[in-house]
Amino acid sequence: MPRYKLTIEYDGAPFFGWQIQDTLPSVQGALEAAVKAMTGADLRVHGAGRTDAGVHARGQVAHVDVEKQFPPGRFRDGLNAHLRPHPIAVLEAEIVADTFEARFSAIKRHYRYRVINTRANLALDVGHAWRVPRRLDADAMHAAAQRLLGKHDFTTFRDTECQAKSPEKTLDQLDVTRDGREIIIVTSARSFLHSQVRSMVGSLVWVGEGRWTADDLSAALEARNRAACGIVAPPEGLYLMKVDY
């Protein structure tokens, strides 16, 4: 039974996250329906990360075992045909060894968060970025972000419903840059806690607004208390960009 690795992009706005739901639309559910339309079988599509409701992806990875072997290009194109009109695209399909696991074989995940720093309302970026009207100091945000690098107990930046066994994670990258009116936050790690990226971004925005200093961010981290977290950034600005194996 061949195992297919799928590289997927999607607009998360219409979905209640990646994970399949009983009655609500999900990315996983739409993909499994497309697989069934091609194969006639109810098959589980396993994702590399369970993105939350409203979160987007440019490089989500999944795997699925299919009894009949299709040429990878045909499998990709067939899935895309059955996915319409959902805003989901299978960018690539390839046959991999049956030891490959989209989630557990991953060695690093890369996320990007988009903040549009403008007093004007969003037009083209509605649902795809977080509008913050107050002027942000991107340099201060970047300097503070470096306090979070390395291995830490990230309880402060962890959702209260997170099911991870340990709050300890090793953050490899957390960069903040400005491109015109856009603030871009890029972060990488082997894995993240539930809502960790959005929690870190919201706290960094407080730094950018001048509400917090870098020392305040460090104190929040050291508190190991969810109540010490700043604002949690909304999901629409977050993108899963790539998964490394």
Protein backbone atom coordinates (compact mmCIF):
# COMPACT_ATOMS: atom_id res chain seq x y z
CA MET A 1 0.00 0.00 0.00
CA PRO A 2 1.82 3.16 -1.17
CA ARG A 3 2.19 6.12 1.19
CA TYR A 4 1.84 9.56 -0.33
CA LYS A 5 3.43 12.69 1.10
CA LEU A 6 1.34 15.76 0.28
CA THR A 7 2.49 19.38 0.40
CA ILE A 8 -0.53 21.61 0.85
CA GLU A 9 -1.46 25.27 1.03
CA TYR A 10 -4.77 26.64 2.23
CA ASP A 11 -6.69 29.68 3.33
CA GLY A 12 -7.76 28.85 6.88
CA ALA A 13 -10.58 31.41 7.05
CA PRO A 14 -13.48 29.05 6.14
CA PHE A 15 -12.28 26.23 8.39
CA PHE A 16 -12.39 25.43 12.08
CA GLY A 17 -8.76 24.38 11.97
CA TRP A 18 -6.91 21.45 10.47
CA GLN A 19 -8.35 18.70 12.67
CA ILE A 20 -11.49 16.94 11.50
CA GLN A 21 -14.72 17.92 13.28
CA ASP A 22 -18.02 16.11 13.54
CA THR A 23 -20.17 18.91 12.11
CA LEU A 24 -17.80 21.81 11.35
CA PRO A 25 -15.65 22.27 8.22
CA SER A 26 -11.96 21.40 8.59
CA VAL A 27 -8.99 21.15 6.25
CA GLN A 28 -8.42 17.51 7.16
CA GLY A 29 -12.08 16.73 6.52
CA ALA A 30 -12.01 18.34 3.07
CA LEU A 31 -8.85 16.43 2.13
CA GLU A 32 -10.26 13.12 3.32
CA ALA A 33 -13.43 13.72 1.29
CA ALA A 34 -11.27 14.34 -1.80
CA VAL A 35 -9.28 11.16 -1.15
CA LYS A 36 -12.50 9.18 -0.83
CA ALA A 37 -13.82 10.64 -4.08
CA MET A 38 -10.70 9.34 -5.83
CA THR A 39 -10.30 5.98 -4.11
CA GLY A 40 -13.75 5.08 -2.80
CA ALA A 41 -12.26 4.44 0.65
CA ASP A 42 -12.45 6.24 3.99
CA LEU A 43 -8.78 6.99 4.67
CA ARG A 44 -7.11 9.12 7.32
CA VAL A 45 -4.95 12.02 6.17
CA HIS A 46 -2.29 12.73 8.82
CA GLY A 47 -0.98 16.30 9.08
CA ALA A 48 2.34 17.67 10.31
CA GLY A 49 0.62 20.29 12.43
CA ARG A 50 -2.87 20.94 13.73
CA THR A 51 -3.33 24.56 12.73
CA ASP A 52 -6.05 26.44 14.61
CA ALA A 53 -9.24 27.90 13.17
CA GLY A 54 -8.41 30.74 10.80
CA VAL A 55 -4.69 29.90 10.50
CA HIS A 56 -3.30 29.56 6.97
CA ALA A 57 -0.64 27.33 5.41
CA ARG A 58 1.75 27.64 2.49
CA GLY A 59 3.65 24.45 3.23
CA GLN A 60 1.58 22.10 5.39
CA VAL A 61 2.62 18.46 4.95
CA ALA A 62 0.43 15.39 5.28
CA HIS A 63 0.60 11.70 4.46
CA VAL A 64 -2.02 9.17 3.45
CA ASP A 65 -1.87 5.44 2.64
CA VAL A 66 -3.78 4.49 -0.50
CA GLU A 67 -4.42 0.90 -1.61
CA LYS A 68 -4.23 1.69 -5.32
CA GLN A 69 -1.06 3.30 -6.64
CA PHE A 70 -1.55 6.45 -8.73
CA PRO A 71 1.19 8.34 -10.55
CA PRO A 72 2.01 11.18 -8.12
CA GLY A 73 1.06 13.92 -10.57
CA ARG A 74 -2.27 12.27 -11.31
CA PHE A 75 -2.98 11.85 -7.59
CA ARG A 76 -2.20 15.53 -6.97
CA ASP A 77 -4.36 16.72 -9.85
CA GLY A 78 -7.24 14.42 -8.93
CA LEU A 79 -7.27 15.65 -5.34
CA ASN A 80 -7.24 19.25 -6.49
CA ALA A 81 -10.17 18.59 -8.81
CA HIS A 82 -12.20 17.13 -5.94
CA LEU A 83 -11.15 19.87 -3.51
CA ARG A 84 -12.82 22.61 -5.53
CA PRO A 85 -14.22 25.07 -4.50
CA HIS A 86 -12.43 24.82 -1.14
CA PRO A 87 -9.44 27.20 -0.86
CA ILE A 88 -7.05 24.23 -0.55
CA ALA A 89 -4.38 23.22 -3.04
CA VAL A 90 -2.19 20.13 -3.09
CA LEU A 91 1.08 21.55 -4.41
CA GLU A 92 2.94 18.29 -4.61
CA ALA A 93 2.36 14.56 -4.11
CA GLU A 94 5.14 12.01 -3.86
CA ILE A 95 5.43 8.37 -2.87
CA VAL A 96 7.54 7.92 0.26
CA ALA A 97 8.69 5.06 2.46
CA ASP A 98 6.11 3.66 4.85
CA THR A 99 8.34 4.79 7.73
CA PHE A 100 7.63 8.45 6.88
CA GLU A 101 5.25 10.21 9.28
CA ALA A 102 4.12 13.75 8.47
CA ARG A 103 4.02 14.67 12.15
CA PHE A 104 6.61 12.54 13.88
CA SER A 105 9.30 12.58 11.17
CA ALA A 106 9.40 16.40 11.14
CA ILE A 107 12.60 17.97 12.46
CA LYS A 108 11.60 21.64 12.20
CA ARG A 109 8.51 23.75 11.56
CA HIS A 110 8.58 27.29 10.21
CA TYR A 111 5.86 29.89 10.81
CA ARG A 112 5.36 33.47 9.66
CA TYR A 113 3.09 36.06 11.21
CA ARG A 114 1.95 39.18 9.33
CA VAL A 115 1.09 42.42 11.11
CA ILE A 116 -0.09 45.37 9.00
CA ASN A 117 0.91 48.48 10.93
CA THR A 118 -1.53 51.04 9.59
CA ARG A 119 -4.30 53.32 10.79
CA ALA A 120 -6.27 52.66 7.60
CA ASN A 121 -8.64 49.74 7.43
CA LEU A 122 -7.45 46.65 5.59
CA ALA A 123 -8.80 45.96 2.14
CA LEU A 124 -6.85 43.24 0.31
CA ASP A 125 -5.41 41.78 3.51
CA VAL A 126 -8.67 41.30 5.41
CA GLY A 127 -8.56 37.85 6.99
CA HIS A 128 -4.88 37.41 6.12
CA ALA A 129 -3.07 39.75 8.53
CA TRP A 130 -3.52 41.50 11.87
CA ARG A 131 -4.05 45.26 11.60
CA VAL A 132 -2.35 47.18 14.43
CA PRO A 133 -2.93 50.94 14.13
CA ARG A 134 -0.42 52.19 16.71
CA ARG A 135 3.13 52.67 15.38
CA LEU A 136 5.31 49.67 16.22
CA ASP A 137 9.05 49.71 16.90
CA ALA A 138 10.19 46.64 14.97
CA ASP A 139 13.77 46.96 16.19
CA ALA A 140 12.63 46.86 19.83
CA MET A 141 10.42 43.87 19.05
CA HIS A 142 13.31 42.00 17.43
CA ALA A 143 15.70 42.73 20.29
CA ALA A 144 13.14 41.53 22.85
CA ALA A 145 12.35 38.43 20.77
CA GLN A 146 15.92 37.21 21.20
CA ARG A 147 15.19 36.74 24.93
CA LEU A 148 12.90 33.83 23.97
CA LEU A 149 15.46 31.88 21.94
CA GLY A 150 16.74 28.57 23.24
CA LYS A 151 15.20 25.99 25.53
CA HIS A 152 12.66 27.33 28.03
CA ASP A 153 9.52 26.47 29.93
CA PHE A 154 6.97 28.28 27.75
CA THR A 155 3.99 27.85 30.08
CA THR A 156 3.28 31.61 29.87
CA PHE A 157 2.84 31.32 26.10
CA ARG A 158 0.89 28.07 26.17
CA ASP A 159 -2.88 27.76 25.76
CA THR A 160 -4.59 26.45 28.88
CA GLU A 161 -6.03 23.58 26.82
CA CYS A 162 -2.67 22.57 25.33
CA GLN A 163 -2.24 18.79 25.48
CA ALA A 164 1.56 18.67 25.14
CA LYS A 165 3.19 16.55 27.84
CA SER A 166 5.81 19.19 28.64
CA PRO A 167 5.83 23.00 28.40
CA GLU A 168 9.54 22.95 27.50
CA LYS A 169 10.41 23.79 23.90
CA THR A 170 13.55 24.92 22.11
CA LEU A 171 13.01 28.02 19.98
CA ASP A 172 15.57 28.21 17.15
CA GLN A 173 14.49 31.46 15.48
CA LEU A 174 12.31 34.46 16.28
CA ASP A 175 13.01 37.40 13.96
CA VAL A 176 11.04 40.62 13.56
CA THR A 177 11.50 42.86 10.52
CA ARG A 178 9.64 45.75 8.93
CA ASP A 179 8.84 46.02 5.22
CA GLY A 180 7.01 49.30 4.71
CA ARG A 181 3.84 49.13 6.74
CA GLU A 182 4.16 45.36 7.30
CA ILE A 183 5.79 43.80 10.35
CA ILE A 184 6.90 40.22 9.68
CA ILE A 185 7.62 37.77 12.51
CA VAL A 186 9.39 34.57 11.47
CA THR A 187 9.89 31.71 13.91
CA SER A 188 11.23 28.15 13.72
CA ALA A 189 11.41 25.20 16.11
CA ARG A 190 11.09 21.44 16.06
CA SER A 191 7.62 21.85 17.53
CA PHE A 192 5.46 24.46 19.24
CA LEU A 193 2.91 24.46 22.04
CA HIS A 194 -0.74 25.21 21.34
CA SER A 195 -1.05 28.98 20.65
CA GLN A 196 2.64 29.55 21.42
CA VAL A 197 3.38 31.53 18.27
CA ARG A 198 0.31 33.75 18.56
CA SER A 199 1.01 34.32 22.26
CA MET A 200 4.60 35.33 21.58
CA VAL A 201 3.54 37.64 18.73
CA GLY A 202 0.92 39.39 20.86
CA SER A 203 3.44 40.01 23.62
CA LEU A 204 5.98 41.32 21.10
CA VAL A 205 3.39 43.75 19.77
CA TRP A 206 3.08 45.11 23.31
CA VAL A 207 6.83 45.66 23.22
CA GLY A 208 6.51 47.40 19.86
CA GLU A 209 3.81 49.70 21.21
CA GLY A 210 5.95 50.59 24.23
CA ARG A 211 3.67 48.91 26.79
CA TRP A 212 6.39 46.37 27.62
CA THR A 213 10.17 46.39 27.60
CA ALA A 214 12.40 43.45 26.78
CA ASP A 215 12.77 42.94 30.52
CA ASP A 216 8.99 42.70 30.85
CA LEU A 217 8.96 39.98 28.19
CA SER A 218 11.69 38.09 30.04
CA ALA A 219 9.76 38.42 33.29
CA ALA A 220 6.64 37.03 31.61
CA LEU A 221 8.62 34.02 30.37
CA GLU A 222 10.16 33.41 33.78
CA ALA A 223 6.74 33.66 35.48
CA ARG A 224 5.71 30.34 33.86
CA ASN A 225 2.12 31.50 34.29
CA ARG A 226 -0.44 31.91 31.51
CA ALA A 227 -1.82 34.98 33.28
CA ALA A 228 1.51 36.75 32.68
CA CYS A 229 1.12 36.57 28.88
CA GLY A 230 0.35 39.69 26.88
CA ILE A 231 -2.40 39.80 24.28
CA VAL A 232 -2.80 36.74 22.04
CA ALA A 233 -2.53 37.67 18.37
CA PRO A 234 -5.54 36.70 16.20
CA PRO A 235 -5.22 33.61 13.98
CA GLU A 236 -5.64 35.29 10.61
CA GLY A 237 -2.08 36.61 10.49
CA LEU A 238 -0.41 33.22 11.05
CA TYR A 239 0.96 30.98 8.29
CA LEU A 240 2.60 27.55 8.49
CA MET A 241 5.28 28.11 5.86
CA LYS A 242 7.32 24.93 5.74
CA VAL A 243 8.08 21.65 7.48
CA ASP A 244 11.59 20.17 7.36
CA TYR A 245 12.36 16.44 7.37
